[in-house]
N, C-alpha and C. Protein backbone atom coordinates (compact mmCIF):
# COMPACT_ATOMS: atom_id res chain seq x y z
N MET A 1 -22.88 -0.94 12.23
CA MET A 1 -21.78 0.16 12.60
C MET A 1 -21.10 0.79 11.16
N GLN A 2 -21.35 1.95 11.16
CA GLN A 2 -20.57 2.80 10.09
C GLN A 2 -19.42 3.30 10.22
N VAL A 3 -18.34 3.36 9.00
CA VAL A 3 -16.98 3.61 8.82
C VAL A 3 -17.10 4.82 9.39
N ALA A 4 -16.00 4.94 10.75
CA ALA A 4 -16.06 6.50 11.03
C ALA A 4 -14.37 6.59 11.83
N VAL A 5 -14.02 7.55 12.06
CA VAL A 5 -12.53 7.82 12.38
C VAL A 5 -12.67 6.58 13.66
N ASN A 6 -11.15 5.91 13.79
CA ASN A 6 -10.92 5.22 15.17
C ASN A 6 -12.04 3.91 14.95
N THR A 7 -12.49 3.48 13.54
CA THR A 7 -13.05 2.46 13.44
C THR A 7 -11.97 1.47 12.57
N VAL A 8 -12.31 0.19 13.04
CA VAL A 8 -11.05 -1.13 12.27
C VAL A 8 -12.05 -1.49 10.89
N VAL A 9 -11.54 -1.12 9.55
CA VAL A 9 -12.32 -1.52 8.69
C VAL A 9 -11.72 -2.58 7.50
N THR A 10 -12.52 -3.69 7.61
CA THR A 10 -11.82 -4.99 6.24
C THR A 10 -12.89 -4.08 5.20
N LEU A 11 -12.04 -4.82 3.88
CA LEU A 11 -12.33 -4.47 2.82
C LEU A 11 -12.35 -5.69 1.71
N LEU A 12 -12.79 -5.91 1.00
CA LEU A 12 -12.16 -6.75 -0.37
C LEU A 12 -12.47 -6.06 -1.60
N CYS A 13 -11.20 -5.79 -2.24
CA CYS A 13 -11.06 -4.98 -3.33
C CYS A 13 -10.52 -5.34 -4.46
N ASP A 14 -10.85 -4.85 -5.40
CA ASP A 14 -10.36 -5.14 -7.02
C ASP A 14 -9.70 -3.59 -7.46
N ILE A 15 -8.53 -3.90 -8.36
CA ILE A 15 -8.06 -2.60 -8.33
C ILE A 15 -7.85 -2.79 -9.97
N THR A 16 -8.10 -1.92 -10.81
CA THR A 16 -7.60 -2.14 -12.43
C THR A 16 -7.21 -0.81 -13.01
N ASP A 17 -6.29 -0.97 -14.13
CA ASP A 17 -5.93 0.65 -14.61
C ASP A 17 -7.54 0.81 -15.20
N VAL A 18 -7.08 2.03 -15.74
CA VAL A 18 -8.37 2.74 -16.16
C VAL A 18 -9.00 2.06 -17.54
N SER A 19 -8.37 1.34 -18.32
CA SER A 19 -8.54 0.50 -18.86
C SER A 19 -9.58 -1.08 -18.91
N GLY A 20 -9.55 -1.27 -17.40
CA GLY A 20 -10.08 -2.25 -16.81
C GLY A 20 -9.08 -3.52 -16.83
N ARG A 21 -8.00 -3.18 -17.12
CA ARG A 21 -6.88 -4.24 -16.99
C ARG A 21 -6.79 -4.65 -15.64
N PRO A 22 -7.04 -5.83 -14.94
CA PRO A 22 -6.80 -6.08 -13.72
C PRO A 22 -5.09 -5.59 -12.92
N LEU A 23 -5.32 -5.40 -11.67
CA LEU A 23 -3.94 -5.02 -11.45
C LEU A 23 -4.19 -5.81 -9.97
N ALA A 24 -5.22 -5.92 -8.65
CA ALA A 24 -5.21 -6.50 -7.96
C ALA A 24 -6.42 -7.00 -7.71
N LEU A 25 -6.91 -8.33 -7.77
CA LEU A 25 -8.20 -8.96 -7.47
C LEU A 25 -8.53 -9.45 -6.83
N GLY A 26 -9.46 -9.19 -5.68
CA GLY A 26 -9.90 -9.93 -4.64
C GLY A 26 -9.01 -9.71 -3.09
N GLU A 27 -8.36 -8.33 -3.39
CA GLU A 27 -7.38 -8.16 -2.29
C GLU A 27 -8.34 -7.45 -1.01
N ARG A 28 -8.24 -8.69 -0.08
CA ARG A 28 -8.62 -8.28 1.43
C ARG A 28 -7.24 -7.57 2.05
N ILE A 29 -8.15 -5.79 2.61
CA ILE A 29 -7.07 -5.10 3.36
C ILE A 29 -8.25 -4.42 4.85
N THR A 30 -7.29 -4.63 5.99
CA THR A 30 -7.77 -4.12 7.18
C THR A 30 -7.01 -3.11 7.23
N TYR A 31 -7.74 -1.66 7.70
CA TYR A 31 -7.07 -0.38 8.26
C TYR A 31 -8.20 -0.34 9.61
N LEU A 32 -6.84 1.00 10.32
CA LEU A 32 -7.54 1.73 10.86
C LEU A 32 -8.10 3.17 10.23
N HIS A 33 -9.36 3.71 9.94
CA HIS A 33 -10.01 4.58 9.28
C HIS A 33 -9.70 6.00 10.48
N GLY A 34 -8.72 6.91 9.46
CA GLY A 34 -8.06 8.13 9.76
C GLY A 34 -6.99 8.06 10.86
N GLY A 35 -6.17 7.00 10.94
CA GLY A 35 -5.49 6.67 11.71
C GLY A 35 -4.18 5.66 11.15
N ASP A 36 -4.97 5.34 9.64
CA ASP A 36 -3.62 4.57 8.63
C ASP A 36 -3.70 5.35 7.89
N GLU A 37 -2.16 5.80 7.32
CA GLU A 37 -2.16 6.33 6.11
C GLU A 37 -1.77 5.70 4.93
N ALA A 38 -1.33 4.11 5.24
CA ALA A 38 -1.37 3.32 3.96
C ALA A 38 -2.28 2.99 3.41
N LEU A 39 -3.60 3.13 3.30
CA LEU A 39 -4.92 3.41 2.78
C LEU A 39 -5.18 4.20 2.05
N LEU A 40 -5.17 4.47 0.19
CA LEU A 40 -5.08 5.18 -0.90
C LEU A 40 -5.73 6.74 0.07
N PRO A 41 -5.70 7.53 -0.03
CA PRO A 41 -6.55 8.64 0.62
C PRO A 41 -7.86 9.01 0.28
N GLY A 42 -7.75 8.82 -1.41
CA GLY A 42 -9.64 9.32 -2.29
C GLY A 42 -10.32 7.99 -1.48
N LEU A 43 -9.75 6.74 -1.67
CA LEU A 43 -10.63 5.58 -0.91
C LEU A 43 -11.04 5.81 0.25
N GLN A 44 -10.35 6.11 1.51
CA GLN A 44 -10.80 6.40 3.05
C GLN A 44 -11.55 7.32 2.65
N ALA A 45 -11.48 8.56 2.29
CA ALA A 45 -12.37 9.56 2.40
C ALA A 45 -13.73 8.96 1.64
N ALA A 46 -14.06 8.02 0.63
CA ALA A 46 -15.14 7.42 0.04
C ALA A 46 -15.85 6.72 0.75
N LEU A 47 -15.00 6.01 2.04
CA LEU A 47 -15.41 4.93 2.70
C LEU A 47 -16.37 5.57 3.95
N LEU A 48 -16.11 7.08 4.37
CA LEU A 48 -16.31 7.37 5.35
C LEU A 48 -18.32 7.62 5.42
N GLY A 49 -18.65 6.78 6.74
CA GLY A 49 -20.32 6.91 6.82
C GLY A 49 -20.75 5.66 6.11
N LYS A 50 -19.87 4.52 5.52
CA LYS A 50 -20.17 3.43 5.33
C LYS A 50 -20.77 2.49 5.78
N SER A 51 -21.41 1.52 5.22
CA SER A 51 -21.44 0.09 6.49
C SER A 51 -21.36 -0.97 5.87
N ILE A 52 -21.49 -2.02 6.54
CA ILE A 52 -20.72 -3.58 6.04
C ILE A 52 -22.10 -3.78 4.87
N ASP A 53 -21.36 -4.05 3.89
CA ASP A 53 -21.71 -5.07 2.68
C ASP A 53 -21.88 -3.70 1.57
N ASP A 54 -21.70 -2.60 2.03
CA ASP A 54 -21.70 -1.46 1.18
C ASP A 54 -20.44 -1.36 0.30
N GLU A 55 -20.91 -1.30 -0.93
CA GLU A 55 -19.72 -0.92 -1.80
C GLU A 55 -19.58 0.06 -2.43
N VAL A 56 -18.22 0.46 -2.85
CA VAL A 56 -17.77 1.45 -3.57
C VAL A 56 -16.79 1.41 -4.41
N SER A 57 -17.49 2.21 -5.68
CA SER A 57 -16.26 1.94 -6.81
C SER A 57 -15.96 3.64 -7.14
N LEU A 58 -14.81 4.08 -7.78
CA LEU A 58 -14.04 5.00 -7.67
C LEU A 58 -13.36 5.17 -8.58
N GLU A 59 -12.73 5.70 -9.31
CA GLU A 59 -11.42 6.31 -10.07
C GLU A 59 -10.72 7.80 -9.20
N LEU A 60 -9.34 6.94 -9.41
CA LEU A 60 -8.55 7.67 -8.08
C LEU A 60 -7.39 8.24 -9.16
N SER A 61 -7.11 9.59 -9.20
CA SER A 61 -6.00 9.92 -10.04
C SER A 61 -4.63 9.59 -9.04
N PRO A 62 -3.54 9.85 -9.67
CA PRO A 62 -2.08 9.39 -9.16
C PRO A 62 -2.24 10.01 -7.56
N GLU A 63 -2.75 11.72 -7.47
CA GLU A 63 -2.17 12.49 -6.44
C GLU A 63 -3.74 11.58 -5.09
N ASP A 64 -4.23 10.84 -5.35
CA ASP A 64 -5.46 10.30 -4.77
C ASP A 64 -5.25 8.83 -4.23
N ALA A 65 -4.10 8.54 -5.41
CA ALA A 65 -4.19 6.83 -5.31
C ALA A 65 -2.22 6.52 -4.86
N TYR A 66 -1.69 6.47 -5.59
CA TYR A 66 -0.19 6.03 -5.45
C TYR A 66 0.93 6.87 -5.37
N GLY A 67 0.26 8.33 -5.56
CA GLY A 67 0.99 9.81 -5.90
C GLY A 67 2.12 9.63 -7.20
N GLU A 68 2.26 10.63 -7.80
CA GLU A 68 3.06 10.70 -8.76
C GLU A 68 4.17 10.28 -8.82
N TYR A 69 4.51 9.82 -10.36
CA TYR A 69 5.93 8.86 -10.48
C TYR A 69 7.31 10.46 -10.13
N ASP A 70 7.87 9.97 -9.14
CA ASP A 70 8.98 10.69 -9.14
C ASP A 70 10.17 9.87 -9.78
N ALA A 71 10.91 11.11 -10.33
CA ALA A 71 12.55 10.78 -11.12
C ALA A 71 13.06 10.31 -10.35
N ARG A 72 13.44 11.34 -8.95
CA ARG A 72 14.62 11.57 -8.24
C ARG A 72 14.39 9.65 -7.56
N LEU A 73 13.41 8.96 -7.54
CA LEU A 73 13.70 7.77 -6.70
C LEU A 73 14.24 6.26 -7.36
N VAL A 74 14.74 6.78 -8.76
CA VAL A 74 15.41 5.80 -9.80
C VAL A 74 16.67 6.35 -9.75
N TYR A 75 17.50 5.15 -9.97
CA TYR A 75 18.50 5.32 -10.06
C TYR A 75 19.42 3.94 -10.65
N SER A 76 21.09 4.36 -10.74
CA SER A 76 21.61 3.11 -11.56
C SER A 76 22.27 3.06 -10.56
N GLU A 77 22.29 1.66 -10.36
CA GLU A 77 23.92 1.21 -9.19
C GLU A 77 24.50 0.15 -9.94
N ARG A 78 26.04 -0.02 -9.32
CA ARG A 78 26.70 -1.12 -10.48
C ARG A 78 26.12 -2.54 -9.63
N ARG A 79 26.77 -3.26 -10.39
CA ARG A 79 26.08 -4.37 -10.42
C ARG A 79 26.55 -5.32 -9.63
N ASP A 80 27.81 -4.43 -9.34
CA ASP A 80 29.04 -5.67 -8.49
C ASP A 80 28.34 -5.34 -7.06
N ALA A 81 27.76 -4.33 -6.86
CA ALA A 81 27.79 -3.59 -5.46
C ALA A 81 26.40 -4.50 -4.95
N LEU A 82 25.46 -5.05 -5.59
CA LEU A 82 24.38 -5.72 -5.32
C LEU A 82 25.09 -6.91 -5.25
N PRO A 83 24.12 -8.06 -4.58
CA PRO A 83 24.30 -9.47 -4.19
C PRO A 83 24.54 -10.30 -5.60
N PRO A 84 25.38 -11.22 -5.88
CA PRO A 84 25.27 -11.81 -7.04
C PRO A 84 24.39 -12.21 -7.77
N ASP A 85 23.15 -12.66 -6.96
CA ASP A 85 21.86 -13.58 -7.72
C ASP A 85 20.95 -12.17 -7.89
N VAL A 86 21.20 -10.58 -8.00
CA VAL A 86 20.05 -9.91 -8.45
C VAL A 86 19.39 -10.32 -9.69
N ALA A 87 18.11 -9.88 -9.29
CA ALA A 87 17.18 -10.22 -10.71
C ALA A 87 16.26 -9.30 -10.66
N ILE A 88 15.44 -8.73 -11.83
CA ILE A 88 14.52 -7.54 -12.19
C ILE A 88 13.14 -8.19 -11.00
N GLY A 89 12.99 -6.98 -10.15
CA GLY A 89 11.36 -7.27 -9.07
C GLY A 89 12.32 -7.64 -7.77
N ALA A 90 13.72 -7.78 -8.14
CA ALA A 90 14.25 -7.82 -6.44
C ALA A 90 13.86 -6.84 -5.50
N THR A 91 14.02 -6.62 -4.36
CA THR A 91 13.62 -5.31 -3.42
C THR A 91 14.85 -5.12 -2.34
N TYR A 92 15.51 -4.10 -2.31
CA TYR A 92 16.44 -3.54 -0.98
C TYR A 92 16.13 -2.36 -0.82
N GLN A 93 16.18 -2.47 0.54
CA GLN A 93 16.00 -1.12 1.32
C GLN A 93 17.04 -0.46 1.75
N ARG A 94 17.28 0.87 1.70
CA ARG A 94 18.59 1.64 0.86
C ARG A 94 17.70 2.77 1.84
N GLU A 95 19.40 3.82 2.51
CA GLU A 95 19.34 4.70 3.46
C GLU A 95 18.77 6.14 2.33
N ASN A 96 18.02 6.88 2.45
CA ASN A 96 17.04 7.65 1.63
C ASN A 96 18.75 8.70 1.54
N GLU A 97 18.24 9.41 0.06
CA GLU A 97 19.50 10.64 -0.14
C GLU A 97 18.87 11.77 -0.21
N ILE A 98 17.69 11.64 -0.18
CA ILE A 98 16.49 12.96 -1.01
C ILE A 98 15.96 13.64 0.40
N PRO A 99 16.72 14.92 0.54
CA PRO A 99 16.49 15.35 1.85
C PRO A 99 14.53 15.66 1.94
N SER A 100 13.76 15.87 1.05
CA SER A 100 12.43 16.29 1.19
C SER A 100 11.97 14.61 2.01
N ILE A 101 12.31 13.36 1.74
CA ILE A 101 11.82 12.52 1.83
C ILE A 101 12.44 11.84 2.99
N THR A 102 11.82 11.26 4.24
CA THR A 102 12.43 10.93 5.54
C THR A 102 12.48 9.25 5.42
N GLY A 103 13.49 8.83 6.19
CA GLY A 103 13.65 7.72 6.34
C GLY A 103 13.82 6.64 4.83
N PRO A 104 14.14 5.27 5.15
CA PRO A 104 14.63 4.67 4.02
C PRO A 104 13.94 3.80 3.50
N LEU A 105 14.26 3.48 2.20
CA LEU A 105 13.36 3.63 1.17
C LEU A 105 13.38 1.95 0.44
N VAL A 106 12.35 1.27 -0.19
CA VAL A 106 12.69 -0.29 -0.78
C VAL A 106 12.73 0.19 -2.22
N TYR A 107 13.61 0.14 -2.83
CA TYR A 107 13.63 -0.20 -3.92
C TYR A 107 13.61 -1.65 -4.97
N ARG A 108 13.23 -1.74 -5.71
CA ARG A 108 12.80 -2.42 -6.79
C ARG A 108 13.67 -2.09 -8.13
N VAL A 109 14.27 -3.69 -8.03
CA VAL A 109 15.03 -3.95 -9.87
C VAL A 109 14.47 -3.83 -10.76
N ILE A 110 14.53 -2.51 -11.61
CA ILE A 110 13.51 -2.80 -12.83
C ILE A 110 14.23 -2.66 -13.68
N ASP A 111 15.85 -3.16 -14.04
CA ASP A 111 16.41 -3.42 -15.23
C ASP A 111 17.89 -3.78 -14.76
N ILE A 112 18.25 -4.75 -15.31
CA ILE A 112 19.28 -4.76 -15.63
C ILE A 112 20.66 -5.45 -16.53
N ASP A 113 21.83 -5.11 -16.88
CA ASP A 113 22.61 -5.29 -17.72
C ASP A 113 23.64 -5.36 -17.31
N GLU A 114 25.07 -5.79 -17.98
CA GLU A 114 26.21 -6.53 -17.97
C GLU A 114 26.53 -5.74 -16.10
N ALA A 115 26.67 -4.39 -16.30
CA ALA A 115 27.05 -4.08 -15.56
C ALA A 115 26.53 -2.98 -14.44
N ASN A 116 25.23 -2.85 -14.48
CA ASN A 116 24.34 -2.22 -13.81
C ASN A 116 22.97 -2.38 -13.69
N ALA A 117 22.57 -2.08 -12.58
CA ALA A 117 21.16 -2.49 -11.91
C ALA A 117 20.18 -1.44 -12.12
N VAL A 118 19.43 -0.88 -12.27
CA VAL A 118 18.49 0.24 -12.10
C VAL A 118 16.87 0.13 -11.15
N LEU A 119 17.42 0.91 -10.21
CA LEU A 119 16.30 0.64 -8.70
C LEU A 119 15.53 1.51 -8.88
N ASP A 120 14.48 1.15 -8.36
CA ASP A 120 12.98 2.34 -8.58
C ASP A 120 12.05 2.27 -7.18
N ALA A 121 12.30 3.40 -6.29
CA ALA A 121 11.87 3.38 -5.02
C ALA A 121 10.01 3.72 -5.47
N ASN A 122 10.03 3.99 -6.66
CA ASN A 122 8.03 4.50 -6.95
C ASN A 122 7.35 3.07 -6.65
N HIS A 123 6.17 3.35 -6.49
CA HIS A 123 5.05 2.52 -6.19
C HIS A 123 4.87 1.75 -7.64
N PRO A 124 4.65 0.51 -7.57
CA PRO A 124 4.70 0.07 -9.43
C PRO A 124 3.25 1.17 -10.14
N LEU A 125 2.29 1.61 -9.38
CA LEU A 125 1.55 2.44 -9.68
C LEU A 125 1.19 3.75 -9.97
N ALA A 126 2.40 4.22 -9.51
CA ALA A 126 2.87 5.63 -9.49
C ALA A 126 2.57 6.20 -10.24
N GLY A 127 1.86 7.57 -10.22
CA GLY A 127 1.82 8.21 -11.82
C GLY A 127 0.55 7.42 -12.83
N LYS A 128 -0.19 6.57 -11.91
CA LYS A 128 -1.56 6.01 -13.11
C LYS A 128 -2.44 6.30 -12.23
N THR A 129 -3.66 6.74 -12.89
CA THR A 129 -4.85 6.58 -12.77
C THR A 129 -5.33 5.39 -12.52
N ILE A 130 -6.40 4.57 -11.40
CA ILE A 130 -6.93 3.61 -11.12
C ILE A 130 -8.54 3.45 -10.82
N ARG A 131 -8.68 2.62 -11.10
CA ARG A 131 -10.51 2.14 -10.52
C ARG A 131 -10.32 1.26 -9.67
N VAL A 132 -11.39 1.47 -8.45
CA VAL A 132 -10.98 0.55 -7.37
C VAL A 132 -12.70 0.54 -7.04
N HIS A 133 -12.76 -1.14 -6.76
CA HIS A 133 -14.24 -1.38 -6.64
C HIS A 133 -14.35 -2.03 -5.41
N CYS A 134 -14.67 -1.53 -3.88
CA CYS A 134 -14.54 -2.60 -2.77
C CYS A 134 -15.78 -2.35 -2.04
N ARG A 135 -16.13 -3.87 -1.49
CA ARG A 135 -17.05 -4.49 -0.67
C ARG A 135 -16.54 -4.22 1.40
N ILE A 136 -17.35 -3.47 1.74
CA ILE A 136 -16.97 -3.79 3.22
C ILE A 136 -17.42 -4.69 3.63
N THR A 137 -16.64 -5.48 4.52
CA THR A 137 -17.14 -6.39 4.58
C THR A 137 -17.07 -7.18 6.54
N ASN A 138 -16.31 -5.60 7.06
CA ASN A 138 -16.30 -5.63 8.31
C ASN A 138 -16.16 -4.29 8.92
N VAL A 139 -16.74 -3.60 9.88
CA VAL A 139 -16.62 -2.39 10.63
C VAL A 139 -16.86 -2.75 12.05
N GLU A 140 -15.57 -2.40 13.37
CA GLU A 140 -15.53 -2.73 14.37
C GLU A 140 -15.08 -1.26 15.43
N PRO A 141 -15.32 -1.31 16.01
CA PRO A 141 -14.65 0.13 17.30
C PRO A 141 -13.02 -0.67 17.09
N ALA A 142 -12.46 0.69 17.40
CA ALA A 142 -10.59 -0.12 16.98
C ALA A 142 -10.36 -0.79 18.93
N THR A 143 -11.16 0.13 19.51
CA THR A 143 -10.72 -0.85 20.94
C THR A 143 -11.43 -2.28 21.06
N SER A 144 -12.23 -2.85 20.22
CA SER A 144 -12.50 -3.89 20.50
C SER A 144 -11.16 -5.17 19.90
N VAL A 145 -10.77 -4.22 18.97
CA VAL A 145 -9.36 -5.04 18.43
C VAL A 145 -8.16 -4.57 18.99
N SER A 146 -8.34 -3.80 20.00
CA SER A 146 -7.07 -3.75 21.55
C SER A 146 -7.36 -4.80 21.94
N ALA A 147 -8.82 -4.97 22.35
CA ALA A 147 -9.03 -5.55 23.45
C ALA A 147 -8.52 -7.24 23.20
N VAL A 148 -8.84 -7.74 21.46
CA VAL A 148 -8.37 -9.05 21.06
C VAL A 148 -6.86 -9.25 21.07
N LEU A 149 -6.28 -8.19 20.77
CA LEU A 149 -4.58 -8.40 20.64
C LEU A 149 -4.09 -8.46 22.12
N ASP A 150 -4.62 -7.61 23.01
CA ASP A 150 -4.43 -7.58 24.19
C ASP A 150 -4.53 -8.66 24.99
N SER A 151 -5.58 -9.14 24.65
CA SER A 151 -6.14 -10.95 25.29
C SER A 151 -5.55 -12.17 24.51
N ALA A 152 -4.64 -11.82 23.50
CA ALA A 152 -3.86 -12.97 22.86
C ALA A 152 -2.61 -12.64 23.22
N ARG A 153 -2.39 -11.62 24.01
CA ARG A 153 -0.50 -11.52 24.34
C ARG A 153 -0.81 -12.04 25.63
N SER A 154 -1.59 -11.71 26.57
CA SER A 154 -1.70 -12.08 27.60
C SER A 154 -1.97 -13.83 27.71
N LYS A 155 -2.46 -14.50 26.69
CA LYS A 155 -2.29 -16.06 26.86
C LYS A 155 -1.00 -16.53 26.14
N LEU A 156 -0.39 -15.85 25.41
CA LEU A 156 1.13 -16.03 25.05
C LEU A 156 1.96 -15.86 26.12
N ARG A 157 1.73 -14.78 26.85
CA ARG A 157 2.59 -14.86 28.13
C ARG A 157 2.50 -15.89 29.10
N ASN A 158 1.37 -16.14 29.28
CA ASN A 158 0.61 -17.78 30.47
C ASN A 158 1.10 -18.90 29.75
N ARG A 159 1.75 -19.00 29.00
CA ARG A 159 1.82 -20.52 27.59
C ARG A 159 3.53 -20.52 28.61
């Protein structure tokens, strides 16, 4: 079966920066082709028409990967407004105050000093060109996944 709209695709991916430094190795990704905006747009386009065991390698610019870095998504918060155990790398969901972006955002703490913490809602790879190498490990019609989920839900209800 080939990757097409309304197929569920499973990939095994390695992601590096342009110098070859590993960013994510052996990452297993399952997504709905043509209906899942979580997969990088450039990668989704490259997978169309491919089959199980096919491999795709490509270099993705920020616009086809994790987007351009948006300085509006970085702000400083008083440290006393955050939990006492705040640490670099911690994440917090916060209502969005940027009119052109809808919904709440997840911010990562990227810096801390005595008085303030710097929070950033950009993806850590935003603004970066990346290299992606993926092997397709499974392709199936989306309806078969729905049937499996329905069957599992039914079994749970009947316990």
